[in-house]
Amino acid sequence: ISSDMVLIVLVAVIASLVGVYYYFKVIIAMYFAKDDTNNSITINNLYKVILITCLTITLLLGLFPSFLSNLL
C-alpha cells in the first residue's frame, strides 16, 4: 500500500477471500454435513495388489535412491 499499489492489494485480498470461501465450503461439507447413508467401497483384489506394489516400490526408492541410479 505504501508503494501506491492499492489496486493490486485489493485484488489480492478479494482473491484470498474467494479462496477461503471455497475452502471453507469443502471443510464444512466434510466435517459438519450429516450423512445418513452407509456407503462402503469395494476394491478389486487386482487393484489392491497394484497399490501394494506401487507403495513398496515408492518406499524402497525413497529409502534407497542410489539403487535405481546404480542400475542405470
PDB file of N, CA and C in Angstrom:
ATOM      1  N   ILE A   1       0.836  -1.187   0.000  1.00  0.00           N
ATOM      2  CA  ILE A   1       0.000   0.000   0.000  1.00  0.00           C
ATOM      3  C   ILE A   1       0.876   1.244   0.000  1.00  0.00           C
ATOM      4  N   SER A   2       2.014   1.182   0.675  1.00  0.00           N
ATOM      5  CA  SER A   2       2.881   2.350   0.736  1.00  0.00           C
ATOM      6  C   SER A   2       3.533   2.645  -0.611  1.00  0.00           C
ATOM      7  N   SER A   3       3.537   1.702  -1.514  1.00  0.00           N
ATOM      8  CA  SER A   3       4.108   1.906  -2.846  1.00  0.00           C
ATOM      9  C   SER A   3       3.058   2.317  -3.860  1.00  0.00           C
ATOM     10  N   ASP A   4       1.906   2.758  -3.403  1.00  0.00           N
ATOM     11  CA  ASP A   4       0.805   3.186  -4.266  1.00  0.00           C
ATOM     12  C   ASP A   4       0.315   2.087  -5.204  1.00  0.00           C
ATOM     13  N   MET A   5       0.253   0.876  -4.682  1.00  0.00           N
ATOM     14  CA  MET A   5      -0.272  -0.256  -5.454  1.00  0.00           C
ATOM     15  C   MET A   5      -1.531  -0.781  -4.767  1.00  0.00           C
ATOM     16  N   VAL A   6      -2.439   0.109  -4.522  1.00  0.00           N
ATOM     17  CA  VAL A   6      -3.662  -0.229  -3.797  1.00  0.00           C
ATOM     18  C   VAL A   6      -4.525  -1.190  -4.598  1.00  0.00           C
ATOM     19  N   LEU A   7      -4.565  -1.035  -5.904  1.00  0.00           N
ATOM     20  CA  LEU A   7      -5.387  -1.909  -6.744  1.00  0.00           C
ATOM     21  C   LEU A   7      -4.909  -3.359  -6.669  1.00  0.00           C
ATOM     22  N   ILE A   8      -3.609  -3.558  -6.682  1.00  0.00           N
ATOM     23  CA  ILE A   8      -3.071  -4.927  -6.600  1.00  0.00           C
ATOM     24  C   ILE A   8      -3.386  -5.528  -5.232  1.00  0.00           C
ATOM     25  N   VAL A   9      -3.286  -4.726  -4.179  1.00  0.00           N
ATOM     26  CA  VAL A   9      -3.602  -5.214  -2.845  1.00  0.00           C
ATOM     27  C   VAL A   9      -5.078  -5.585  -2.745  1.00  0.00           C
ATOM     28  N   LEU A  10      -5.956  -4.792  -3.317  1.00  0.00           N
ATOM     29  CA  LEU A  10      -7.387  -5.101  -3.282  1.00  0.00           C
ATOM     30  C   LEU A  10      -7.705  -6.376  -4.055  1.00  0.00           C
ATOM     31  N   VAL A  11      -7.067  -6.544  -5.212  1.00  0.00           N
ATOM     32  CA  VAL A  11      -7.274  -7.770  -5.996  1.00  0.00           C
ATOM     33  C   VAL A  11      -6.789  -8.979  -5.214  1.00  0.00           C
ATOM     34  N   ALA A  12      -5.651  -8.863  -4.534  1.00  0.00           N
ATOM     35  CA  ALA A  12      -5.118  -9.980  -3.752  1.00  0.00           C
ATOM     36  C   ALA A  12      -6.030 -10.313  -2.579  1.00  0.00           C
ATOM     37  N   VAL A  13      -6.554  -9.304  -1.912  1.00  0.00           N
ATOM     38  CA  VAL A  13      -7.456  -9.548  -0.777  1.00  0.00           C
ATOM     39  C   VAL A  13      -8.748 -10.193  -1.250  1.00  0.00           C
ATOM     40  N   ILE A  14      -9.306  -9.729  -2.332  1.00  0.00           N
ATOM     41  CA  ILE A  14     -10.545 -10.310  -2.861  1.00  0.00           C
ATOM     42  C   ILE A  14     -10.314 -11.751  -3.311  1.00  0.00           C
ATOM     43  N   ALA A  15      -9.193 -12.004  -3.976  1.00  0.00           N
ATOM     44  CA  ALA A  15      -8.877 -13.368  -4.410  1.00  0.00           C
ATOM     45  C   ALA A  15      -8.696 -14.287  -3.205  1.00  0.00           C
ATOM     46  N   SER A  16      -8.084 -13.779  -2.139  1.00  0.00           N
ATOM     47  CA  SER A  16      -7.919 -14.584  -0.925  1.00  0.00           C
ATOM     48  C   SER A  16      -9.262 -14.887  -0.278  1.00  0.00           C
ATOM     49  N   LEU A  17     -10.150 -13.923  -0.254  1.00  0.00           N
ATOM     50  CA  LEU A  17     -11.476 -14.156   0.324  1.00  0.00           C
ATOM     51  C   LEU A  17     -12.274 -15.182  -0.477  1.00  0.00           C
ATOM     52  N   VAL A  18     -12.162 -15.117  -1.791  1.00  0.00           N
ATOM     53  CA  VAL A  18     -12.844 -16.113  -2.637  1.00  0.00           C
ATOM     54  C   VAL A  18     -12.274 -17.496  -2.367  1.00  0.00           C
ATOM     55  N   GLY A  19     -10.954 -17.603  -2.249  1.00  0.00           N
ATOM     56  CA  GLY A  19     -10.329 -18.890  -1.945  1.00  0.00           C
ATOM     57  C   GLY A  19     -10.756 -19.437  -0.600  1.00  0.00           C
ATOM     58  N   VAL A  20     -10.803 -18.580   0.409  1.00  0.00           N
ATOM     59  CA  VAL A  20     -11.237 -19.011   1.739  1.00  0.00           C
ATOM     60  C   VAL A  20     -12.685 -19.481   1.699  1.00  0.00           C
ATOM     61  N   TYR A  21     -13.520 -18.791   0.947  1.00  0.00           N
ATOM     62  CA  TYR A  21     -14.924 -19.182   0.824  1.00  0.00           C
ATOM     63  C   TYR A  21     -15.041 -20.603   0.261  1.00  0.00           C
ATOM     64  N   TYR A  22     -14.312 -20.888  -0.806  1.00  0.00           N
ATOM     65  CA  TYR A  22     -14.408 -22.215  -1.405  1.00  0.00           C
ATOM     66  C   TYR A  22     -13.790 -23.284  -0.525  1.00  0.00           C
ATOM     67  N   TYR A  23     -12.677 -22.995   0.136  1.00  0.00           N
ATOM     68  CA  TYR A  23     -12.073 -23.982   1.024  1.00  0.00           C
ATOM     69  C   TYR A  23     -12.969 -24.275   2.215  1.00  0.00           C
ATOM     70  N   PHE A  24     -13.613 -23.255   2.769  1.00  0.00           N
ATOM     71  CA  PHE A  24     -14.498 -23.499   3.896  1.00  0.00           C
ATOM     72  C   PHE A  24     -15.740 -24.272   3.491  1.00  0.00           C
ATOM     73  N   LYS A  25     -16.180 -24.137   2.258  1.00  0.00           N
ATOM     74  CA  LYS A  25     -17.305 -24.958   1.801  1.00  0.00           C
ATOM     75  C   LYS A  25     -16.931 -26.430   1.828  1.00  0.00           C
ATOM     76  N   VAL A  26     -15.714 -26.757   1.430  1.00  0.00           N
ATOM     77  CA  VAL A  26     -15.253 -28.146   1.441  1.00  0.00           C
ATOM     78  C   VAL A  26     -15.122 -28.646   2.878  1.00  0.00           C
ATOM     79  N   ILE A  27     -14.539 -27.819   3.750  1.00  0.00           N
ATOM     80  CA  ILE A  27     -14.364 -28.221   5.145  1.00  0.00           C
ATOM     81  C   ILE A  27     -15.714 -28.436   5.820  1.00  0.00           C
ATOM     82  N   ILE A  28     -16.662 -27.558   5.574  1.00  0.00           N
ATOM     83  CA  ILE A  28     -17.999 -27.712   6.159  1.00  0.00           C
ATOM     84  C   ILE A  28     -18.675 -28.968   5.620  1.00  0.00           C
ATOM     85  N   ALA A  29     -18.516 -29.243   4.340  1.00  0.00           N
ATOM     86  CA  ALA A  29     -19.122 -30.449   3.771  1.00  0.00           C
ATOM     87  C   ALA A  29     -18.473 -31.710   4.335  1.00  0.00           C
ATOM     88  N   MET A  30     -17.185 -31.656   4.630  1.00  0.00           N
ATOM     89  CA  MET A  30     -16.502 -32.847   5.142  1.00  0.00           C
ATOM     90  C   MET A  30     -16.838 -33.135   6.600  1.00  0.00           C
ATOM     91  N   TYR A  31     -16.881 -32.109   7.422  1.00  0.00           N
ATOM     92  CA  TYR A  31     -16.962 -32.339   8.855  1.00  0.00           C
ATOM     93  C   TYR A  31     -18.328 -32.066   9.470  1.00  0.00           C
ATOM     94  N   PHE A  32     -19.130 -31.229   8.874  1.00  0.00           N
ATOM     95  CA  PHE A  32     -20.352 -30.817   9.528  1.00  0.00           C
ATOM     96  C   PHE A  32     -21.626 -31.282   8.827  1.00  0.00           C
ATOM     97  N   ALA A  33     -21.532 -31.835   7.655  1.00  0.00           N
ATOM     98  CA  ALA A  33     -22.724 -32.293   6.936  1.00  0.00           C
ATOM     99  C   ALA A  33     -23.152 -33.654   7.477  1.00  0.00           C
ATOM    100  N   LYS A  34     -24.429 -33.839   7.607  1.00  0.00           N
ATOM    101  CA  LYS A  34     -24.974 -35.109   8.077  1.00  0.00           C
ATOM    102  C   LYS A  34     -25.055 -36.079   6.915  1.00  0.00           C
ATOM    103  N   ASP A  35     -24.546 -37.282   7.136  1.00  0.00           N
ATOM    104  CA  ASP A  35     -24.599 -38.320   6.118  1.00  0.00           C
ATOM    105  C   ASP A  35     -25.216 -39.560   6.741  1.00  0.00           C
ATOM    106  N   ASP A  36     -26.438 -39.851   6.351  1.00  0.00           N
ATOM    107  CA  ASP A  36     -27.154 -40.968   6.937  1.00  0.00           C
ATOM    108  C   ASP A  36     -26.953 -42.268   6.164  1.00  0.00           C
ATOM    109  N   THR A  37     -26.341 -42.189   5.002  1.00  0.00           N
ATOM    110  CA  THR A  37     -26.147 -43.396   4.210  1.00  0.00           C
ATOM    111  C   THR A  37     -24.876 -44.103   4.642  1.00  0.00           C
ATOM    112  N   ASN A  38     -24.869 -45.387   4.485  1.00  0.00           N
ATOM    113  CA  ASN A  38     -23.704 -46.198   4.817  1.00  0.00           C
ATOM    114  C   ASN A  38     -23.130 -46.736   3.516  1.00  0.00           C
ATOM    115  N   ASN A  39     -22.314 -45.948   2.878  1.00  0.00           N
ATOM    116  CA  ASN A  39     -21.713 -46.357   1.617  1.00  0.00           C
ATOM    117  C   ASN A  39     -20.394 -47.056   1.891  1.00  0.00           C
ATOM    118  N   SER A  40     -20.257 -48.242   1.378  1.00  0.00           N
ATOM    119  CA  SER A  40     -18.996 -48.953   1.518  1.00  0.00           C
ATOM    120  C   SER A  40     -18.343 -49.069   0.147  1.00  0.00           C
ATOM    121  N   ILE A  41     -17.055 -48.969   0.155  1.00  0.00           N
ATOM    122  CA  ILE A  41     -16.296 -49.027  -1.085  1.00  0.00           C
ATOM    123  C   ILE A  41     -15.677 -50.409  -1.188  1.00  0.00           C
ATOM    124  N   THR A  42     -15.898 -51.067  -2.308  1.00  0.00           N
ATOM    125  CA  THR A  42     -15.275 -52.357  -2.540  1.00  0.00           C
ATOM    126  C   THR A  42     -14.154 -52.170  -3.557  1.00  0.00           C
ATOM    127  N   ILE A  43     -13.021 -52.739  -3.234  1.00  0.00           N
ATOM    128  CA  ILE A  43     -11.840 -52.612  -4.092  1.00  0.00           C
ATOM    129  C   ILE A  43     -11.504 -53.996  -4.628  1.00  0.00           C
ATOM    130  N   ASN A  44     -11.296 -54.051  -5.922  1.00  0.00           N
ATOM    131  CA  ASN A  44     -10.930 -55.287  -6.584  1.00  0.00           C
ATOM    132  C   ASN A  44      -9.570 -55.751  -6.059  1.00  0.00           C
ATOM    133  N   ASN A  45      -9.362 -57.063  -5.977  1.00  0.00           N
ATOM    134  CA  ASN A  45      -8.101 -57.604  -5.479  1.00  0.00           C
ATOM    135  C   ASN A  45      -6.919 -57.218  -6.360  1.00  0.00           C
ATOM    136  N   LEU A  46      -7.132 -57.092  -7.661  1.00  0.00           N
ATOM    137  CA  LEU A  46      -6.054 -56.679  -8.551  1.00  0.00           C
ATOM    138  C   LEU A  46      -5.590 -55.264  -8.212  1.00  0.00           C
ATOM    139  N   TYR A  47      -6.525 -54.386  -7.894  1.00  0.00           N
ATOM    140  CA  TYR A  47      -6.168 -53.014  -7.519  1.00  0.00           C
ATOM    141  C   TYR A  47      -5.399 -52.989  -6.196  1.00  0.00           C
ATOM    142  N   LYS A  48      -5.756 -53.890  -5.287  1.00  0.00           N
ATOM    143  CA  LYS A  48      -5.017 -53.978  -4.031  1.00  0.00           C
ATOM    144  C   LYS A  48      -3.573 -54.396  -4.276  1.00  0.00           C
ATOM    145  N   VAL A  49      -3.376 -55.363  -5.154  1.00  0.00           N
ATOM    146  CA  VAL A  49      -2.018 -55.823  -5.471  1.00  0.00           C
ATOM    147  C   VAL A  49      -1.223 -54.701  -6.132  1.00  0.00           C
ATOM    148  N   ILE A  50      -1.840 -53.985  -7.052  1.00  0.00           N
ATOM    149  CA  ILE A  50      -1.166 -52.882  -7.729  1.00  0.00           C
ATOM    150  C   ILE A  50      -0.817 -51.784  -6.727  1.00  0.00           C
ATOM    151  N   LEU A  51      -1.728 -51.469  -5.817  1.00  0.00           N
ATOM    152  CA  LEU A  51      -1.478 -50.445  -4.811  1.00  0.00           C
ATOM    153  C   LEU A  51      -0.327 -50.833  -3.891  1.00  0.00           C
ATOM    154  N   ILE A  52      -0.313 -52.056  -3.425  1.00  0.00           N
ATOM    155  CA  ILE A  52       0.762 -52.519  -2.545  1.00  0.00           C
ATOM    156  C   ILE A  52       2.089 -52.536  -3.281  1.00  0.00           C
ATOM    157  N   THR A  53       2.084 -52.935  -4.552  1.00  0.00           N
ATOM    158  CA  THR A  53       3.314 -52.945  -5.346  1.00  0.00           C
ATOM    159  C   THR A  53       3.858 -51.532  -5.529  1.00  0.00           C
ATOM    160  N   CYS A  54       3.002 -50.606  -5.893  1.00  0.00           N
ATOM    161  CA  CYS A  54       3.447 -49.217  -6.074  1.00  0.00           C
ATOM    162  C   CYS A  54       3.922 -48.606  -4.765  1.00  0.00           C
ATOM    163  N   LEU A  55       3.246 -48.920  -3.672  1.00  0.00           N
ATOM    164  CA  LEU A  55       3.653 -48.414  -2.370  1.00  0.00           C
ATOM    165  C   LEU A  55       5.027 -48.958  -1.982  1.00  0.00           C
ATOM    166  N   THR A  56       5.247 -50.238  -2.220  1.00  0.00           N
ATOM    167  CA  THR A  56       6.531 -50.851  -1.898  1.00  0.00           C
ATOM    168  C   THR A  56       7.651 -50.250  -2.738  1.00  0.00           C
ATOM    169  N   ILE A  57       7.421 -50.089  -4.029  1.00  0.00           N
ATOM    170  CA  ILE A  57       8.439 -49.502  -4.904  1.00  0.00           C
ATOM    171  C   ILE A  57       8.736 -48.067  -4.495  1.00  0.00           C
ATOM    172  N   THR A  58       7.707 -47.302  -4.162  1.00  0.00           N
ATOM    173  CA  THR A  58       7.910 -45.914  -3.751  1.00  0.00           C
ATOM    174  C   THR A  58       8.715 -45.839  -2.457  1.00  0.00           C
ATOM    175  N   LEU A  59       8.379 -46.679  -1.492  1.00  0.00           N
ATOM    176  CA  LEU A  59       9.115 -46.675  -0.237  1.00  0.00           C
ATOM    177  C   LEU A  59      10.561 -47.114  -0.428  1.00  0.00           C
ATOM    178  N   LEU A  60      10.779 -48.143  -1.223  1.00  0.00           N
ATOM    179  CA  LEU A  60      12.144 -48.617  -1.442  1.00  0.00           C
ATOM    180  C   LEU A  60      12.990 -47.584  -2.183  1.00  0.00           C
ATOM    181  N   LEU A  61      12.418 -46.940  -3.189  1.00  0.00           N
ATOM    182  CA  LEU A  61      13.174 -45.919  -3.912  1.00  0.00           C
ATOM    183  C   LEU A  61      13.377 -44.667  -3.063  1.00  0.00           C
ATOM    184  N   GLY A  62      12.462 -44.399  -2.137  1.00  0.00           N
ATOM    185  CA  GLY A  62      12.640 -43.267  -1.233  1.00  0.00           C
ATOM    186  C   GLY A  62      13.708 -43.534  -0.192  1.00  0.00           C
ATOM    187  N   LEU A  63      13.775 -44.774   0.281  1.00  0.00           N
ATOM    188  CA  LEU A  63      14.768 -45.123   1.296  1.00  0.00           C
ATOM    189  C   LEU A  63      16.136 -45.427   0.695  1.00  0.00           C
ATOM    190  N   PHE A  64      16.157 -45.973  -0.507  1.00  0.00           N
ATOM    191  CA  PHE A  64      17.409 -46.343  -1.161  1.00  0.00           C
ATOM    192  C   PHE A  64      17.453 -45.756  -2.569  1.00  0.00           C
ATOM    193  N   PRO A  65      17.636 -44.445  -2.710  1.00  0.00           N
ATOM    194  CA  PRO A  65      17.599 -43.832  -4.048  1.00  0.00           C
ATOM    195  C   PRO A  65      18.793 -44.212  -4.915  1.00  0.00           C
ATOM    196  N   SER A  66      19.877 -44.616  -4.293  1.00  0.00           N
ATOM    197  CA  SER A  66      21.058 -44.969  -5.086  1.00  0.00           C
ATOM    198  C   SER A  66      20.873 -46.285  -5.827  1.00  0.00           C
ATOM    199  N   PHE A  67      19.914 -47.114  -5.392  1.00  0.00           N
ATOM    200  CA  PHE A  67      19.676 -48.383  -6.068  1.00  0.00           C
ATOM    201  C   PHE A  67      19.289 -48.185  -7.521  1.00  0.00           C
ATOM    202  N   LEU A  68      18.402 -47.263  -7.794  1.00  0.00           N
ATOM    203  CA  LEU A  68      17.969 -47.001  -9.160  1.00  0.00           C
ATOM    204  C   LEU A  68      19.068 -46.372  -9.980  1.00  0.00           C
ATOM    205  N   SER A  69      19.818 -45.446  -9.394  1.00  0.00           N
ATOM    206  CA  SER A  69      20.901 -44.802 -10.145  1.00  0.00           C
ATOM    207  C   SER A  69      22.024 -45.788 -10.438  1.00  0.00           C
ATOM    208  N   ASN A  70      22.241 -46.760  -9.579  1.00  0.00           N
ATOM    209  CA  ASN A  70      23.261 -47.776  -9.855  1.00  0.00           C
ATOM    210  C   ASN A  70      22.833 -48.708 -10.984  1.00  0.00           C
ATOM    211  N   LEU A  71      21.521 -48.948 -11.089  1.00  0.00           N
ATOM    212  CA  LEU A  71      21.040 -49.793 -12.176  1.00  0.00           C
ATOM    213  C   LEU A  71      21.194 -49.106 -13.522  1.00  0.00           C
ATOM    214  N   LEU A  72      21.027 -47.795 -13.542  1.00  0.00           N
ATOM    215  CA  LEU A  72      21.120 -47.045 -14.785  1.00  0.00           C
ATOM    216  C   LEU A  72      22.563 -46.785 -15.117  1.00  0.00           C
TER     217      LEU A  72
END
